[in-house]
PDB file of N, CA and C in Angstrom:
ATOM      1  N   MET A   1       0.811  -1.173   0.000  1.00  0.00           N
ATOM      2  CA  MET A   1       0.000   0.000   0.000  1.00  0.00           C
ATOM      3  C   MET A   1       0.870   1.259   0.000  1.00  0.00           C
ATOM      4  N   GLU A   2       1.936   1.250   0.850  1.00  0.00           N
ATOM      5  CA  GLU A   2       2.825   2.410   0.870  1.00  0.00           C
ATOM      6  C   GLU A   2       4.161   2.034   1.498  1.00  0.00           C
ATOM      7  N   ILE A   3       5.220   2.667   1.012  1.00  0.00           N
ATOM      8  CA  ILE A   3       6.536   2.530   1.621  1.00  0.00           C
ATOM      9  C   ILE A   3       6.639   3.630   2.667  1.00  0.00           C
ATOM     10  N   LEU A   4       7.046   3.275   3.873  1.00  0.00           N
ATOM     11  CA  LEU A   4       7.082   4.228   4.967  1.00  0.00           C
ATOM     12  C   LEU A   4       8.206   5.239   4.753  1.00  0.00           C
ATOM     13  N   SER A   5       7.868   6.512   4.804  1.00  0.00           N
ATOM     14  CA  SER A   5       8.840   7.562   4.496  1.00  0.00           C
ATOM     15  C   SER A   5       9.971   7.630   5.518  1.00  0.00           C
ATOM     16  N   ASP A   6       9.681   7.347   6.783  1.00  0.00           N
ATOM     17  CA  ASP A   6      10.717   7.398   7.813  1.00  0.00           C
ATOM     18  C   ASP A   6      11.507   6.104   7.939  1.00  0.00           C
ATOM     19  N   ARG A   7      11.042   5.036   7.279  1.00  0.00           N
ATOM     20  CA  ARG A   7      11.724   3.736   7.295  1.00  0.00           C
ATOM     21  C   ARG A   7      11.629   3.118   5.902  1.00  0.00           C
ATOM     22  N   PRO A   8      12.521   3.486   4.979  1.00  0.00           N
ATOM     23  CA  PRO A   8      12.417   2.997   3.602  1.00  0.00           C
ATOM     24  C   PRO A   8      12.606   1.489   3.453  1.00  0.00           C
ATOM     25  N   ASP A   9      12.987   0.806   4.542  1.00  0.00           N
ATOM     26  CA  ASP A   9      13.088  -0.650   4.509  1.00  0.00           C
ATOM     27  C   ASP A   9      11.774  -1.323   4.910  1.00  0.00           C
ATOM     28  N   LEU A  10      10.746  -0.510   5.227  1.00  0.00           N
ATOM     29  CA  LEU A  10       9.442  -1.041   5.622  1.00  0.00           C
ATOM     30  C   LEU A  10       8.345  -0.540   4.697  1.00  0.00           C
ATOM     31  N   ALA A  11       7.360  -1.384   4.496  1.00  0.00           N
ATOM     32  CA  ALA A  11       6.188  -1.010   3.719  1.00  0.00           C
ATOM     33  C   ALA A  11       4.945  -1.437   4.479  1.00  0.00           C
ATOM     34  N   MET A  12       3.897  -0.626   4.372  1.00  0.00           N
ATOM     35  CA  MET A  12       2.605  -0.978   4.936  1.00  0.00           C
ATOM     36  C   MET A  12       1.857  -1.746   3.860  1.00  0.00           C
ATOM     37  N   VAL A  13       1.421  -2.950   4.185  1.00  0.00           N
ATOM     38  CA  VAL A  13       0.750  -3.800   3.210  1.00  0.00           C
ATOM     39  C   VAL A  13      -0.621  -4.215   3.731  1.00  0.00           C
ATOM     40  N   ASP A  14      -1.435  -4.712   2.833  1.00  0.00           N
ATOM     41  CA  ASP A  14      -2.748  -5.253   3.164  1.00  0.00           C
ATOM     42  C   ASP A  14      -2.689  -6.749   2.886  1.00  0.00           C
ATOM     43  N   VAL A  15      -2.836  -7.528   3.945  1.00  0.00           N
ATOM     44  CA  VAL A  15      -2.840  -8.987   3.818  1.00  0.00           C
ATOM     45  C   VAL A  15      -4.237  -9.468   4.172  1.00  0.00           C
ATOM     46  N   SER A  16      -5.026  -9.747   3.146  1.00  0.00           N
ATOM     47  CA  SER A  16      -6.406 -10.208   3.323  1.00  0.00           C
ATOM     48  C   SER A  16      -7.192  -9.302   4.265  1.00  0.00           C
ATOM     49  N   GLY A  17      -7.041  -7.985   4.069  1.00  0.00           N
ATOM     50  CA  GLY A  17      -7.791  -7.019   4.847  1.00  0.00           C
ATOM     51  C   GLY A  17      -7.109  -6.565   6.127  1.00  0.00           C
ATOM     52  N   VAL A  18      -5.957  -7.131   6.448  1.00  0.00           N
ATOM     53  CA  VAL A  18      -5.211  -6.737   7.648  1.00  0.00           C
ATOM     54  C   VAL A  18      -4.005  -5.918   7.213  1.00  0.00           C
ATOM     55  N   ARG A  19      -3.910  -4.686   7.741  1.00  0.00           N
ATOM     56  CA  ARG A  19      -2.760  -3.828   7.418  1.00  0.00           C
ATOM     57  C   ARG A  19      -1.628  -4.140   8.382  1.00  0.00           C
ATOM     58  N   ARG A  20      -0.422  -4.282   7.829  1.00  0.00           N
ATOM     59  CA  ARG A  20       0.736  -4.521   8.679  1.00  0.00           C
ATOM     60  C   ARG A  20       1.992  -4.048   7.981  1.00  0.00           C
ATOM     61  N   ALA A  21       3.010  -3.749   8.774  1.00  0.00           N
ATOM     62  CA  ALA A  21       4.301  -3.333   8.225  1.00  0.00           C
ATOM     63  C   ALA A  21       5.144  -4.578   7.990  1.00  0.00           C
ATOM     64  N   ILE A  22       5.809  -4.610   6.843  1.00  0.00           N
ATOM     65  CA  ILE A  22       6.715  -5.719   6.525  1.00  0.00           C
ATOM     66  C   ILE A  22       8.048  -5.139   6.067  1.00  0.00           C
ATOM     67  N   ASN A  23       9.085  -5.949   6.210  1.00  0.00           N
ATOM     68  CA  ASN A  23      10.421  -5.543   5.813  1.00  0.00           C
ATOM     69  C   ASN A  23      10.604  -5.827   4.326  1.00  0.00           C
ATOM     70  N   ILE A  24      10.990  -4.796   3.569  1.00  0.00           N
ATOM     71  CA  ILE A  24      11.212  -4.963   2.130  1.00  0.00           C
ATOM     72  C   ILE A  24      12.696  -4.873   1.778  1.00  0.00           C
ATOM     73  N   GLY A  25      13.550  -4.959   2.787  1.00  0.00           N
ATOM     74  CA  GLY A  25      14.987  -4.838   2.585  1.00  0.00           C
ATOM     75  C   GLY A  25      15.572  -5.855   1.622  1.00  0.00           C
ATOM     76  N   LEU A  26      14.994  -7.055   1.567  1.00  0.00           N
ATOM     77  CA  LEU A  26      15.491  -8.079   0.644  1.00  0.00           C
ATOM     78  C   LEU A  26      15.225  -7.721  -0.816  1.00  0.00           C
ATOM     79  N   LEU A  27      14.336  -6.777  -1.040  1.00  0.00           N
ATOM     80  CA  LEU A  27      13.990  -6.358  -2.400  1.00  0.00           C
ATOM     81  C   LEU A  27      14.551  -4.972  -2.715  1.00  0.00           C
ATOM     82  N   GLU A  28      15.652  -4.591  -2.074  1.00  0.00           N
ATOM     83  CA  GLU A  28      16.182  -3.243  -2.244  1.00  0.00           C
ATOM     84  C   GLU A  28      16.572  -2.930  -3.686  1.00  0.00           C
ATOM     85  N   ASN A  29      16.893  -3.930  -4.491  1.00  0.00           N
ATOM     86  CA  ASN A  29      17.252  -3.702  -5.894  1.00  0.00           C
ATOM     87  C   ASN A  29      16.051  -3.841  -6.832  1.00  0.00           C
ATOM     88  N   GLU A  30      14.886  -4.092  -6.265  1.00  0.00           N
ATOM     89  CA  GLU A  30      13.651  -4.273  -7.024  1.00  0.00           C
ATOM     90  C   GLU A  30      12.752  -3.072  -6.765  1.00  0.00           C
ATOM     91  N   PRO A  31      12.525  -2.215  -7.750  1.00  0.00           N
ATOM     92  CA  PRO A  31      11.653  -1.063  -7.489  1.00  0.00           C
ATOM     93  C   PRO A  31      10.224  -1.529  -7.191  1.00  0.00           C
ATOM     94  N   LEU A  32       9.673  -1.045  -6.084  1.00  0.00           N
ATOM     95  CA  LEU A  32       8.320  -1.423  -5.667  1.00  0.00           C
ATOM     96  C   LEU A  32       7.412  -0.208  -5.703  1.00  0.00           C
ATOM     97  N   GLU A  33       6.192  -0.430  -6.130  1.00  0.00           N
ATOM     98  CA  GLU A  33       5.179   0.623  -6.193  1.00  0.00           C
ATOM     99  C   GLU A  33       3.925   0.152  -5.472  1.00  0.00           C
ATOM    100  N   PRO A  34       3.207   1.070  -4.820  1.00  0.00           N
ATOM    101  CA  PRO A  34       1.930   0.698  -4.209  1.00  0.00           C
ATOM    102  C   PRO A  34       1.019   0.027  -5.244  1.00  0.00           C
ATOM    103  N   GLY A  35       0.349  -1.023  -4.820  1.00  0.00           N
ATOM    104  CA  GLY A  35      -0.558  -1.758  -5.700  1.00  0.00           C
ATOM    105  C   GLY A  35       0.060  -3.010  -6.294  1.00  0.00           C
ATOM    106  N   GLU A  36       1.384  -3.148  -6.179  1.00  0.00           N
ATOM    107  CA  GLU A  36       2.026  -4.356  -6.690  1.00  0.00           C
ATOM    108  C   GLU A  36       1.890  -5.482  -5.672  1.00  0.00           C
ATOM    109  N   TRP A  37       2.014  -6.699  -6.154  1.00  0.00           N
ATOM    110  CA  TRP A  37       1.897  -7.885  -5.312  1.00  0.00           C
ATOM    111  C   TRP A  37       3.294  -8.358  -4.923  1.00  0.00           C
ATOM    112  N   ILE A  38       3.438  -8.743  -3.641  1.00  0.00           N
ATOM    113  CA  ILE A  38       4.699  -9.308  -3.184  1.00  0.00           C
ATOM    114  C   ILE A  38       4.423 -10.564  -2.370  1.00  0.00           C
ATOM    115  N   LEU A  39       5.369 -11.477  -2.409  1.00  0.00           N
ATOM    116  CA  LEU A  39       5.286 -12.696  -1.617  1.00  0.00           C
ATOM    117  C   LEU A  39       5.929 -12.403  -0.272  1.00  0.00           C
ATOM    118  N   ILE A  40       5.185 -12.631   0.809  1.00  0.00           N
ATOM    119  CA  ILE A  40       5.649 -12.322   2.161  1.00  0.00           C
ATOM    120  C   ILE A  40       5.750 -13.612   2.960  1.00  0.00           C
ATOM    121  N   HIS A  41       6.833 -13.720   3.730  1.00  0.00           N
ATOM    122  CA  HIS A  41       6.981 -14.841   4.665  1.00  0.00           C
ATOM    123  C   HIS A  41       7.557 -14.289   5.962  1.00  0.00           C
ATOM    124  N   VAL A  42       6.916 -14.577   7.062  1.00  0.00           N
ATOM    125  CA  VAL A  42       7.276 -14.131   8.409  1.00  0.00           C
ATOM    126  C   VAL A  42       7.716 -12.671   8.467  1.00  0.00           C
ATOM    127  N   GLY A  43       6.967 -11.812   7.794  1.00  0.00           N
ATOM    128  CA  GLY A  43       7.211 -10.390   7.874  1.00  0.00           C
ATOM    129  C   GLY A  43       8.232  -9.820   6.906  1.00  0.00           C
ATOM    130  N   PHE A  44       8.733 -10.652   5.997  1.00  0.00           N
ATOM    131  CA  PHE A  44       9.710 -10.202   5.010  1.00  0.00           C
ATOM    132  C   PHE A  44       9.166 -10.393   3.599  1.00  0.00           C
ATOM    133  N   ALA A  45       9.342  -9.374   2.768  1.00  0.00           N
ATOM    134  CA  ALA A  45       8.987  -9.490   1.351  1.00  0.00           C
ATOM    135  C   ALA A  45      10.087 -10.286   0.663  1.00  0.00           C
ATOM    136  N   LEU A  46       9.711 -11.387   0.024  1.00  0.00           N
ATOM    137  CA  LEU A  46      10.701 -12.254  -0.613  1.00  0.00           C
ATOM    138  C   LEU A  46      10.864 -11.984  -2.095  1.00  0.00           C
ATOM    139  N   SER A  47       9.742 -11.667  -2.761  1.00  0.00           N
ATOM    140  CA  SER A  47       9.821 -11.403  -4.197  1.00  0.00           C
ATOM    141  C   SER A  47       8.567 -10.679  -4.656  1.00  0.00           C
ATOM    142  N   LYS A  48       8.701 -10.001  -5.777  1.00  0.00           N
ATOM    143  CA  LYS A  48       7.551  -9.366  -6.415  1.00  0.00           C
ATOM    144  C   LYS A  48       6.901 -10.437  -7.295  1.00  0.00           C
ATOM    145  N   ILE A  49       5.575 -10.522  -7.252  1.00  0.00           N
ATOM    146  CA  ILE A  49       4.849 -11.504  -8.053  1.00  0.00           C
ATOM    147  C   ILE A  49       3.715 -10.797  -8.778  1.00  0.00           C
ATOM    148  N   ASP A  50       3.162 -11.482  -9.792  1.00  0.00           N
ATOM    149  CA  ASP A  50       2.032 -10.865 -10.491  1.00  0.00           C
ATOM    150  C   ASP A  50       0.724 -11.291  -9.837  1.00  0.00           C
ATOM    151  N   GLU A  51      -0.359 -10.683 -10.275  1.00  0.00           N
ATOM    152  CA  GLU A  51      -1.662 -10.924  -9.650  1.00  0.00           C
ATOM    153  C   GLU A  51      -2.114 -12.375  -9.780  1.00  0.00           C
ATOM    154  N   VAL A  52      -1.789 -13.022 -10.893  1.00  0.00           N
ATOM    155  CA  VAL A  52      -2.166 -14.425 -11.098  1.00  0.00           C
ATOM    156  C   VAL A  52      -1.458 -15.314 -10.069  1.00  0.00           C
ATOM    157  N   GLU A  53      -0.152 -15.079  -9.875  1.00  0.00           N
ATOM    158  CA  GLU A  53       0.601 -15.829  -8.863  1.00  0.00           C
ATOM    159  C   GLU A  53       0.050 -15.566  -7.468  1.00  0.00           C
ATOM    160  N   ALA A  54      -0.298 -14.316  -7.194  1.00  0.00           N
ATOM    161  CA  ALA A  54      -0.830 -13.957  -5.888  1.00  0.00           C
ATOM    162  C   ALA A  54      -2.144 -14.673  -5.620  1.00  0.00           C
ATOM    163  N   LYS A  55      -3.029 -14.695  -6.603  1.00  0.00           N
ATOM    164  CA  LYS A  55      -4.312 -15.384  -6.429  1.00  0.00           C
ATOM    165  C   LYS A  55      -4.108 -16.877  -6.205  1.00  0.00           C
ATOM    166  N   ALA A  56      -3.197 -17.481  -6.971  1.00  0.00           N
ATOM    167  CA  ALA A  56      -2.917 -18.909  -6.803  1.00  0.00           C
ATOM    168  C   ALA A  56      -2.382 -19.197  -5.400  1.00  0.00           C
ATOM    169  N   ALA A  57      -1.489 -18.348  -4.908  1.00  0.00           N
ATOM    170  CA  ALA A  57      -0.929 -18.541  -3.571  1.00  0.00           C
ATOM    171  C   ALA A  57      -2.006 -18.394  -2.506  1.00  0.00           C
ATOM    172  N   LEU A  58      -2.857 -17.362  -2.634  1.00  0.00           N
ATOM    173  CA  LEU A  58      -3.931 -17.167  -1.665  1.00  0.00           C
ATOM    174  C   LEU A  58      -4.926 -18.328  -1.682  1.00  0.00           C
ATOM    175  N   ASP A  59      -5.283 -18.785  -2.880  1.00  0.00           N
ATOM    176  CA  ASP A  59      -6.204 -19.921  -2.988  1.00  0.00           C
ATOM    177  C   ASP A  59      -5.616 -21.164  -2.322  1.00  0.00           C
ATOM    178  N   PHE A  60      -4.313 -21.392  -2.547  1.00  0.00           N
ATOM    179  CA  PHE A  60      -3.645 -22.550  -1.951  1.00  0.00           C
ATOM    180  C   PHE A  60      -3.650 -22.452  -0.430  1.00  0.00           C
ATOM    181  N   LEU A  61      -3.291 -21.290   0.101  1.00  0.00           N
ATOM    182  CA  LEU A  61      -3.254 -21.124   1.552  1.00  0.00           C
ATOM    183  C   LEU A  61      -4.640 -21.274   2.169  1.00  0.00           C
ATOM    184  N   GLU A  62      -5.657 -20.753   1.490  1.00  0.00           N
ATOM    185  CA  GLU A  62      -7.025 -20.917   1.989  1.00  0.00           C
ATOM    186  C   GLU A  62      -7.440 -22.384   1.974  1.00  0.00           C
ATOM    187  N   SER A  63      -7.020 -23.129   0.943  1.00  0.00           N
ATOM    188  CA  SER A  63      -7.380 -24.554   0.880  1.00  0.00           C
ATOM    189  C   SER A  63      -6.685 -25.348   1.976  1.00  0.00           C
ATOM    190  N   ILE A  64      -5.449 -24.975   2.310  1.00  0.00           N
ATOM    191  CA  ILE A  64      -4.753 -25.641   3.413  1.00  0.00           C
ATOM    192  C   ILE A  64      -5.501 -25.386   4.717  1.00  0.00           C
ATOM    193  N   GLY A  65      -5.893 -24.142   4.923  1.00  0.00           N
ATOM    194  CA  GLY A  65      -6.636 -23.801   6.130  1.00  0.00           C
ATOM    195  C   GLY A  65      -7.944 -24.559   6.211  1.00  0.00           C
ATOM    196  N   GLN A  66      -8.644 -24.669   5.087  1.00  0.00           N
ATOM    197  CA  GLN A  66      -9.916 -25.398   5.077  1.00  0.00           C
ATOM    198  C   GLN A  66      -9.680 -26.882   5.310  1.00  0.00           C
ATOM    199  N   ALA A  67      -8.632 -27.433   4.734  1.00  0.00           N
ATOM    200  CA  ALA A  67      -8.315 -28.854   4.942  1.00  0.00           C
ATOM    201  C   ALA A  67      -8.023 -29.115   6.423  1.00  0.00           C
ATOM    202  N   TYR A  68      -7.314 -28.186   7.049  1.00  0.00           N
ATOM    203  CA  TYR A  68      -7.012 -28.315   8.481  1.00  0.00           C
ATOM    204  C   TYR A  68      -8.308 -28.271   9.292  1.00  0.00           C
ATOM    205  N   GLU A  69      -9.166 -27.316   8.998  1.00  0.00           N
ATOM    206  CA  GLU A  69     -10.441 -27.204   9.717  1.00  0.00           C
ATOM    207  C   GLU A  69     -11.286 -28.461   9.521  1.00  0.00           C
ATOM    208  N   ASP A  70     -11.317 -28.989   8.291  1.00  0.00           N
ATOM    209  CA  ASP A  70     -12.073 -30.217   8.011  1.00  0.00           C
ATOM    210  C   ASP A  70     -11.524 -31.398   8.811  1.00  0.00           C
ATOM    211  N   GLU A  71     -10.198 -31.495   8.914  1.00  0.00           N
ATOM    212  CA  GLU A  71      -9.564 -32.588   9.653  1.00  0.00           C
ATOM    213  C   GLU A  71      -9.879 -32.488  11.145  1.00  0.00           C
ATOM    214  N   ILE A  72      -9.810 -31.290  11.695  1.00  0.00           N
ATOM    215  CA  ILE A  72     -10.128 -31.094  13.116  1.00  0.00           C
ATOM    216  C   ILE A  72     -11.579 -31.467  13.384  1.00  0.00           C
ATOM    217  N   GLU A  73     -12.484 -31.051  12.499  1.00  0.00           N
ATOM    218  CA  GLU A  73     -13.900 -31.380  12.670  1.00  0.00           C
ATOM    219  C   GLU A  73     -14.118 -32.892  12.604  1.00  0.00           C
ATOM    220  N   ALA A  74     -13.439 -33.553  11.674  1.00  0.00           N
ATOM    221  CA  ALA A  74     -13.560 -35.010  11.564  1.00  0.00           C
ATOM    222  C   ALA A  74     -13.054 -35.685  12.835  1.00  0.00           C
ATOM    223  N   LEU A  75     -11.965 -35.184  13.397  1.00  0.00           N
ATOM    224  CA  LEU A  75     -11.457 -35.749  14.651  1.00  0.00           C
ATOM    225  C   LEU A  75     -12.446 -35.545  15.780  1.00  0.00           C
ATOM    226  N   ARG A  76     -13.041 -34.384  15.855  1.00  0.00           N
ATOM    227  CA  ARG A  76     -14.030 -34.115  16.912  1.00  0.00           C
ATOM    228  C   ARG A  76     -15.217 -35.051  16.792  1.00  0.00           C
ATOM    229  N   GLU A  77     -15.676 -35.266  15.574  1.00  0.00           N
ATOM    230  CA  GLU A  77     -16.847 -36.125  15.366  1.00  0.00           C
ATOM    231  C   GLU A  77     -16.550 -37.589  15.659  1.00  0.00           C
ATOM    232  N   SER A  78     -15.273 -37.986  15.573  1.00  0.00           N
ATOM    233  CA  SER A  78     -14.947 -39.389  15.776  1.00  0.00           C
ATOM    234  C   SER A  78     -14.487 -39.697  17.201  1.00  0.00           C
ATOM    235  N   MET A  79     -14.552 -38.704  18.096  1.00  0.00           N
ATOM    236  CA  MET A  79     -14.108 -38.921  19.467  1.00  0.00           C
ATOM    237  C   MET A  79     -14.924 -40.004  20.144  1.00  0.00           C
ATOM    238  N   ILE A  80     -14.223 -40.857  20.855  1.00  0.00           N
ATOM    239  CA  ILE A  80     -14.886 -41.881  21.671  1.00  0.00           C
ATOM    240  C   ILE A  80     -14.724 -41.447  23.117  1.00  0.00           C
ATOM    241  N   GLU A  81     -15.827 -41.236  23.765  1.00  0.00           N
ATOM    242  CA  GLU A  81     -15.772 -40.789  25.145  1.00  0.00           C
ATOM    243  C   GLU A  81     -15.879 -41.975  26.083  1.00  0.00           C
ATOM    244  N   LYS A  82     -15.038 -41.961  27.103  1.00  0.00           N
ATOM    245  CA  LYS A  82     -15.108 -43.013  28.139  1.00  0.00           C
ATOM    246  C   LYS A  82     -16.183 -42.631  29.122  1.00  0.00           C
ATOM    247  N   GLY A  83     -16.946 -43.589  29.571  1.00  0.00           N
ATOM    248  CA  GLY A  83     -18.008 -43.249  30.493  1.00  0.00           C
ATOM    249  C   GLY A  83     -18.133 -44.110  31.620  1.00  0.00           C
TER     250      GLY A  83
END
């Protein structure tokens, strides 16, 4: 969304509706502009990506989360209670 003027190694980004500051120091040789997509891991921008790559990554992460939720629900439903 924006590169912080007082900290040029940080950018304010929107991650699925959550605004947060991330370190863009690893991309110092890559010109970045607001509105571009970047791959972030543990608070660091790793690479600039296009919108198609970004959508694929988001879809994949959402499917992992849903698979996890489905597995937890299946475990809950299969619990055997001692009585």
